[in-house]
Amino acid sequence: MRVFVSADMEGVTGVAAPADVVKGEADYAAGRDLLVGDVNAAVEGAIASGATDVLVNDSHSSMANLPRGALHEDARLIRGRTKPRSMMQGIDPDHGVALFVGYHAMAGTPGAVLNHTFIGHELLRLRVDGAEAGELGWNARLAGALGVPVGLVTGDDATAAEANDEVGSAVRTAVVKDGIDRFTADCHSPAVARDRIRSEAQRAVELAEAGGLSPLSPTEPTTIEADWSATNQAARAASMPGVDRAGPRTTAVEADTYPAAFEATVGMLRAGAAGRDEFYG
């Protein structure tokens, strides 16, 4: 089975503050090492269950956080930021399951560590056909549109709850920390967290092999709206072809298929954020 891994950073073991995930900050190097450990644990679990191919997409901020030499030798890596499908670059219908490692809860989730949706200051919320969605739900719908189930989500306790709401009760979750506030967490030790990730990744691939996971089925045609914190951000986003100014601080894209709407949303968000990296993904 081919396995796709989308690796974010805010939901990684031991990460609790912006300094842990923003390149150039004091604790970023330590945060990157923790990211490598969580991703490799997921890869090890997938391989233990018989995965024949594991593709990892670096999905945080610059999307150049995972050092190639530190990644598990049996995994391939997509590294770099110019990706039409952003956090989901590389996924295709031939993948049997998707694993979301180091994910976080959507903006505004009480007690959730580093909660945000794509851009921590500019974007207030994202809505898919009227329903608010975070990065987890937005990405899971793309996987589902391609026929790929999401089998594992790792992150804090609030992220696990969001995964159950968005993906369903069959999804495996690995809680690596419990949120106290947006910048504070009660963190499990890396050894305990990675054992949990490894075990749940193995179980997720086994479930997918047995047909125990169902892909999401997003509504098509699809409308995706972004609510910005300021009108100038909405104006920048609306400058992109195919993006409508749906309100003073709201922009929207619409497409016949979810993948097309997803890719249009990537462009809309990049334009509205004007190249900001902090808390992107």
Protein backbone atom coordinates (compact mmCIF):
# COMPACT_ATOMS: atom_id res chain seq x y z
CA MET A 1 0.00 0.00 0.00
CA ARG A 2 1.13 3.54 -0.79
CA VAL A 3 0.93 5.93 2.17
CA PHE A 4 0.79 9.73 2.10
CA VAL A 5 1.98 11.78 5.10
CA SER A 6 1.19 15.47 5.54
CA ALA A 7 3.51 16.83 8.24
CA ASP A 8 2.68 20.06 10.03
CA MET A 9 4.57 21.35 13.07
CA GLU A 10 2.33 23.02 15.66
CA GLY A 11 0.91 19.69 16.80
CA VAL A 12 4.28 18.00 17.25
CA THR A 13 5.44 16.46 20.52
CA GLY A 14 6.81 19.07 22.94
CA VAL A 15 5.85 22.10 20.84
CA ALA A 16 3.86 24.78 22.65
CA ALA A 17 4.90 28.31 21.60
CA PRO A 18 5.57 30.30 18.42
CA ALA A 19 9.32 30.20 19.14
CA ASP A 20 9.17 26.41 18.67
CA VAL A 21 7.84 26.60 15.10
CA VAL A 22 8.98 29.90 13.53
CA LYS A 23 12.22 29.68 11.58
CA GLY A 24 14.89 31.92 13.06
CA GLU A 25 13.43 31.89 16.57
CA ALA A 26 15.42 30.57 19.51
CA ASP A 27 13.70 27.21 19.88
CA TYR A 28 13.03 26.43 16.21
CA ALA A 29 15.98 24.00 15.86
CA ALA A 30 14.72 21.96 18.82
CA GLY A 31 11.20 22.05 17.39
CA ARG A 32 12.49 20.78 14.06
CA ASP A 33 14.19 17.85 15.77
CA LEU A 34 10.91 17.00 17.49
CA LEU A 35 9.14 17.19 14.12
CA VAL A 36 11.60 14.71 12.63
CA GLY A 37 11.00 12.30 15.51
CA ASP A 38 7.21 12.34 15.11
CA VAL A 39 7.32 11.97 11.33
CA ASN A 40 9.79 9.11 11.48
CA ALA A 41 7.64 7.34 14.07
CA ALA A 42 4.67 7.51 11.68
CA VAL A 43 6.80 6.23 8.81
CA GLU A 44 8.05 3.35 10.96
CA GLY A 45 4.50 2.40 11.87
CA ALA A 46 3.38 2.49 8.25
CA ILE A 47 6.30 0.31 7.14
CA ALA A 48 5.68 -2.15 9.98
CA SER A 49 2.17 -2.67 8.62
CA GLY A 50 3.49 -3.44 5.13
CA ALA A 51 3.46 -0.07 3.39
CA THR A 52 5.40 -0.34 0.13
CA ASP A 53 5.81 3.41 -0.49
CA VAL A 54 5.69 6.35 1.93
CA LEU A 55 5.60 9.93 0.64
CA VAL A 56 6.03 12.76 3.17
CA ASN A 57 4.96 16.31 2.30
CA ASP A 58 6.57 19.00 4.49
CA SER A 59 3.48 21.09 5.22
CA HIS A 60 4.54 23.79 7.68
CA SER A 61 5.20 27.47 6.89
CA SER A 62 8.19 27.53 4.48
CA MET A 63 7.57 23.83 3.88
CA ALA A 64 11.32 23.31 4.12
CA ASN A 65 11.57 22.17 7.73
CA LEU A 66 12.39 18.46 7.45
CA PRO A 67 16.10 17.85 6.72
CA ARG A 68 16.33 15.20 4.00
CA GLY A 69 19.22 13.46 5.79
CA ALA A 70 17.23 13.08 9.01
CA LEU A 71 14.11 11.57 7.44
CA HIS A 72 13.58 7.82 7.52
CA GLU A 73 15.53 6.22 4.70
CA ASP A 74 12.48 4.43 3.32
CA ALA A 75 10.43 7.62 2.88
CA ARG A 76 10.42 10.16 0.07
CA LEU A 77 10.10 13.88 0.80
CA ILE A 78 8.39 16.78 -0.96
CA ARG A 79 10.15 19.92 0.25
CA GLY A 80 9.52 23.53 -0.79
CA ARG A 81 6.70 26.02 -0.73
CA THR A 82 5.56 26.55 -4.33
CA LYS A 83 2.94 23.82 -4.27
CA PRO A 84 -0.46 24.01 -6.00
CA ARG A 85 -1.89 21.72 -3.32
CA SER A 86 0.04 23.17 -0.39
CA MET A 87 -0.17 20.81 2.61
CA MET A 88 -1.49 18.01 0.40
CA GLN A 89 1.02 18.17 -2.44
CA GLY A 90 1.70 14.72 -3.85
CA ILE A 91 -1.48 12.93 -2.79
CA ASP A 92 -3.19 11.00 -5.57
CA PRO A 93 -5.88 8.31 -5.93
CA ASP A 94 -3.25 5.56 -5.81
CA HIS A 95 -2.56 6.26 -2.14
CA GLY A 96 -4.34 3.86 0.18
CA VAL A 97 -4.38 6.12 3.24
CA ALA A 98 -3.32 9.58 4.41
CA LEU A 99 -1.64 10.26 7.75
CA PHE A 100 -1.72 13.79 9.24
CA VAL A 101 1.22 14.29 11.62
CA GLY A 102 1.74 17.32 13.87
CA TYR A 103 -1.65 18.88 13.13
CA HIS A 104 -3.44 21.51 15.23
CA ALA A 105 -6.99 22.65 15.88
CA MET A 106 -8.75 25.37 13.91
CA ALA A 107 -8.69 29.04 14.87
CA GLY A 108 -10.69 29.88 17.97
CA THR A 109 -10.71 26.40 19.52
CA PRO A 110 -10.62 26.90 23.31
CA GLY A 111 -7.52 25.53 25.01
CA ALA A 112 -6.01 24.25 21.77
CA VAL A 113 -2.25 24.63 21.38
CA LEU A 114 -1.21 27.14 18.68
CA ASN A 115 -4.74 27.04 17.24
CA HIS A 116 -5.13 28.88 13.94
CA THR A 117 -6.30 28.32 10.40
CA PHE A 118 -3.43 28.78 7.94
CA ILE A 119 -2.36 32.32 8.85
CA GLY A 120 -2.49 33.12 12.54
CA HIS A 121 -3.27 36.85 12.38
CA GLU A 122 -4.88 37.60 9.04
CA LEU A 123 -7.39 34.77 8.57
CA LEU A 124 -10.31 34.52 11.01
CA ARG A 125 -11.97 31.44 9.55
CA LEU A 126 -12.43 29.26 6.48
CA ARG A 127 -15.82 27.87 5.45
CA VAL A 128 -16.51 24.97 3.11
CA ASP A 129 -20.07 25.15 1.79
CA GLY A 130 -21.02 27.22 4.80
CA ALA A 131 -19.43 25.01 7.47
CA GLU A 132 -16.30 26.23 9.27
CA ALA A 133 -13.26 24.04 8.64
CA GLY A 134 -9.68 24.11 9.81
CA GLU A 135 -6.67 22.82 7.96
CA LEU A 136 -7.53 19.29 9.05
CA GLY A 137 -11.04 19.32 7.56
CA TRP A 138 -10.03 21.25 4.44
CA ASN A 139 -7.23 18.76 3.70
CA ALA A 140 -9.26 15.68 4.63
CA ARG A 141 -11.92 16.66 2.12
CA LEU A 142 -9.31 16.78 -0.65
CA ALA A 143 -8.10 13.31 0.29
CA GLY A 144 -11.70 12.12 0.25
CA ALA A 145 -12.39 13.69 -3.14
CA LEU A 146 -9.50 11.58 -4.47
CA GLY A 147 -10.83 8.43 -2.78
CA VAL A 148 -8.18 8.41 -0.03
CA PRO A 149 -9.26 7.99 3.61
CA VAL A 150 -7.52 9.81 6.46
CA GLY A 151 -6.35 7.09 8.83
CA LEU A 152 -4.33 8.96 11.47
CA VAL A 153 -4.18 12.43 13.00
CA THR A 154 -1.52 13.34 15.61
CA GLY A 155 -1.55 16.47 17.75
CA ASP A 156 -3.07 17.75 20.97
CA ASP A 157 -6.32 16.59 22.58
CA ALA A 158 -8.40 19.28 20.84
CA THR A 159 -7.03 18.23 17.46
CA ALA A 160 -7.99 14.63 18.14
CA ALA A 161 -11.54 15.74 18.95
CA GLU A 162 -11.67 17.80 15.73
CA ALA A 163 -10.47 14.76 13.77
CA ASN A 164 -13.31 12.66 15.15
CA ASP A 165 -15.81 15.37 14.24
CA GLU A 166 -14.48 15.93 10.73
CA VAL A 167 -13.29 12.48 9.66
CA GLY A 168 -15.35 10.13 11.82
CA SER A 169 -14.90 7.76 14.72
CA ALA A 170 -12.82 5.25 12.72
CA VAL A 171 -9.86 7.61 12.37
CA ARG A 172 -6.92 6.78 14.63
CA THR A 173 -5.54 9.60 16.76
CA ALA A 174 -2.30 9.95 18.70
CA VAL A 175 -2.53 12.62 21.40
CA VAL A 176 0.99 13.85 22.15
CA LYS A 177 0.05 16.73 24.49
CA ASP A 178 -2.94 18.25 26.27
CA GLY A 179 -3.71 21.88 25.67
CA ILE A 180 -3.84 24.33 28.55
CA ASP A 181 -3.95 27.57 26.56
CA ARG A 182 -2.96 28.66 23.07
CA PHE A 183 0.71 28.92 24.02
CA THR A 184 0.85 26.34 26.83
CA ALA A 185 0.70 22.55 26.79
CA ASP A 186 1.10 19.56 29.08
CA CYS A 187 3.46 17.51 26.89
CA HIS A 188 4.05 13.77 26.94
CA SER A 189 7.68 12.68 26.69
CA PRO A 190 8.99 12.20 23.14
CA ALA A 191 9.51 8.48 23.78
CA VAL A 192 5.92 7.94 24.92
CA ALA A 193 4.47 10.14 22.18
CA ARG A 194 6.45 8.44 19.41
CA ASP A 195 5.50 4.98 20.60
CA ARG A 196 1.88 6.11 20.40
CA ILE A 197 2.33 7.58 16.92
CA ARG A 198 4.13 4.47 15.68
CA SER A 199 1.42 2.16 17.02
CA GLU A 200 -1.48 4.22 15.70
CA ALA A 201 0.14 4.66 12.27
CA GLN A 202 0.53 0.91 12.01
CA ARG A 203 -3.09 0.41 13.02
CA ALA A 204 -4.29 3.04 10.53
CA VAL A 205 -2.57 1.34 7.60
CA GLU A 206 -3.88 -2.04 8.70
CA LEU A 207 -7.42 -0.63 8.87
CA ALA A 208 -7.06 0.86 5.41
CA GLU A 209 -5.83 -2.47 4.05
CA ALA A 210 -8.86 -4.20 5.58
CA GLY A 211 -11.30 -1.65 4.17
CA GLY A 212 -12.12 -0.29 7.60
CA LEU A 213 -11.76 3.38 6.65
CA SER A 214 -14.05 5.42 4.43
CA PRO A 215 -12.98 8.52 2.48
CA LEU A 216 -14.92 11.72 3.02
CA SER A 217 -17.27 12.73 0.22
CA PRO A 218 -17.21 16.52 -0.15
CA THR A 219 -20.13 18.28 -1.78
CA GLU A 220 -19.60 19.26 -5.40
CA PRO A 221 -19.82 21.90 -6.82
CA THR A 222 -17.90 23.46 -3.91
CA THR A 223 -17.78 26.97 -2.46
CA ILE A 224 -14.97 27.91 -0.06
CA GLU A 225 -15.04 31.25 1.76
CA ALA A 226 -12.35 33.05 3.75
CA ASP A 227 -13.11 35.62 6.45
CA TRP A 228 -10.20 38.04 6.84
CA SER A 229 -9.38 40.25 9.82
CA ALA A 230 -9.15 43.39 7.65
CA THR A 231 -10.58 44.72 4.41
CA ASN A 232 -7.18 45.21 2.74
CA GLN A 233 -6.45 41.49 3.10
CA ALA A 234 -9.77 40.67 1.44
CA ALA A 235 -8.93 43.15 -1.32
CA ARG A 236 -5.57 41.46 -1.97
CA ALA A 237 -7.20 38.02 -2.04
CA ALA A 238 -9.90 39.22 -4.44
CA SER A 239 -7.21 40.40 -6.86
CA MET A 240 -6.62 36.77 -7.80
CA PRO A 241 -8.49 35.53 -10.91
CA GLY A 242 -11.54 33.50 -9.94
CA VAL A 243 -11.78 34.95 -6.41
CA ASP A 244 -14.97 36.87 -5.58
CA ARG A 245 -15.31 39.64 -2.99
CA ALA A 246 -18.27 38.20 -1.13
CA GLY A 247 -18.25 40.88 1.59
CA PRO A 248 -16.06 43.66 3.03
CA ARG A 249 -13.80 41.11 4.75
CA THR A 250 -14.87 37.93 2.93
CA THR A 251 -13.63 36.33 -0.28
CA ALA A 252 -14.82 33.16 -1.97
CA VAL A 253 -13.98 30.65 -4.67
CA GLU A 254 -16.35 28.23 -6.38
CA ALA A 255 -15.59 25.27 -8.61
CA ASP A 256 -17.31 22.22 -10.06
CA THR A 257 -14.98 19.85 -8.18
CA TYR A 258 -13.50 19.96 -4.70
CA PRO A 259 -9.89 19.61 -5.93
CA ALA A 260 -10.35 22.62 -8.20
CA ALA A 261 -11.86 24.65 -5.33
CA PHE A 262 -9.02 23.52 -3.06
CA GLU A 263 -6.32 24.70 -5.46
CA ALA A 264 -8.13 28.01 -5.98
CA THR A 265 -8.23 28.45 -2.19
CA VAL A 266 -4.45 28.03 -2.00
CA GLY A 267 -4.03 30.99 -4.35
CA MET A 268 -6.65 33.04 -2.51
CA LEU A 269 -4.95 32.52 0.87
CA ARG A 270 -1.47 33.27 -0.43
CA ALA A 271 -2.66 36.51 -2.00
CA GLY A 272 -4.56 37.64 1.08
CA ALA A 273 -1.66 36.87 3.40
CA ALA A 274 0.82 38.68 1.11
CA GLY A 275 3.65 36.22 1.68
CA ARG A 276 3.42 35.98 5.47
CA ASP A 277 5.06 32.82 6.84
CA GLU A 278 4.12 32.86 10.50
CA PHE A 279 1.60 30.13 11.33
CA TYR A 280 1.11 29.28 7.70
CA GLY A 281 0.05 25.65 7.77
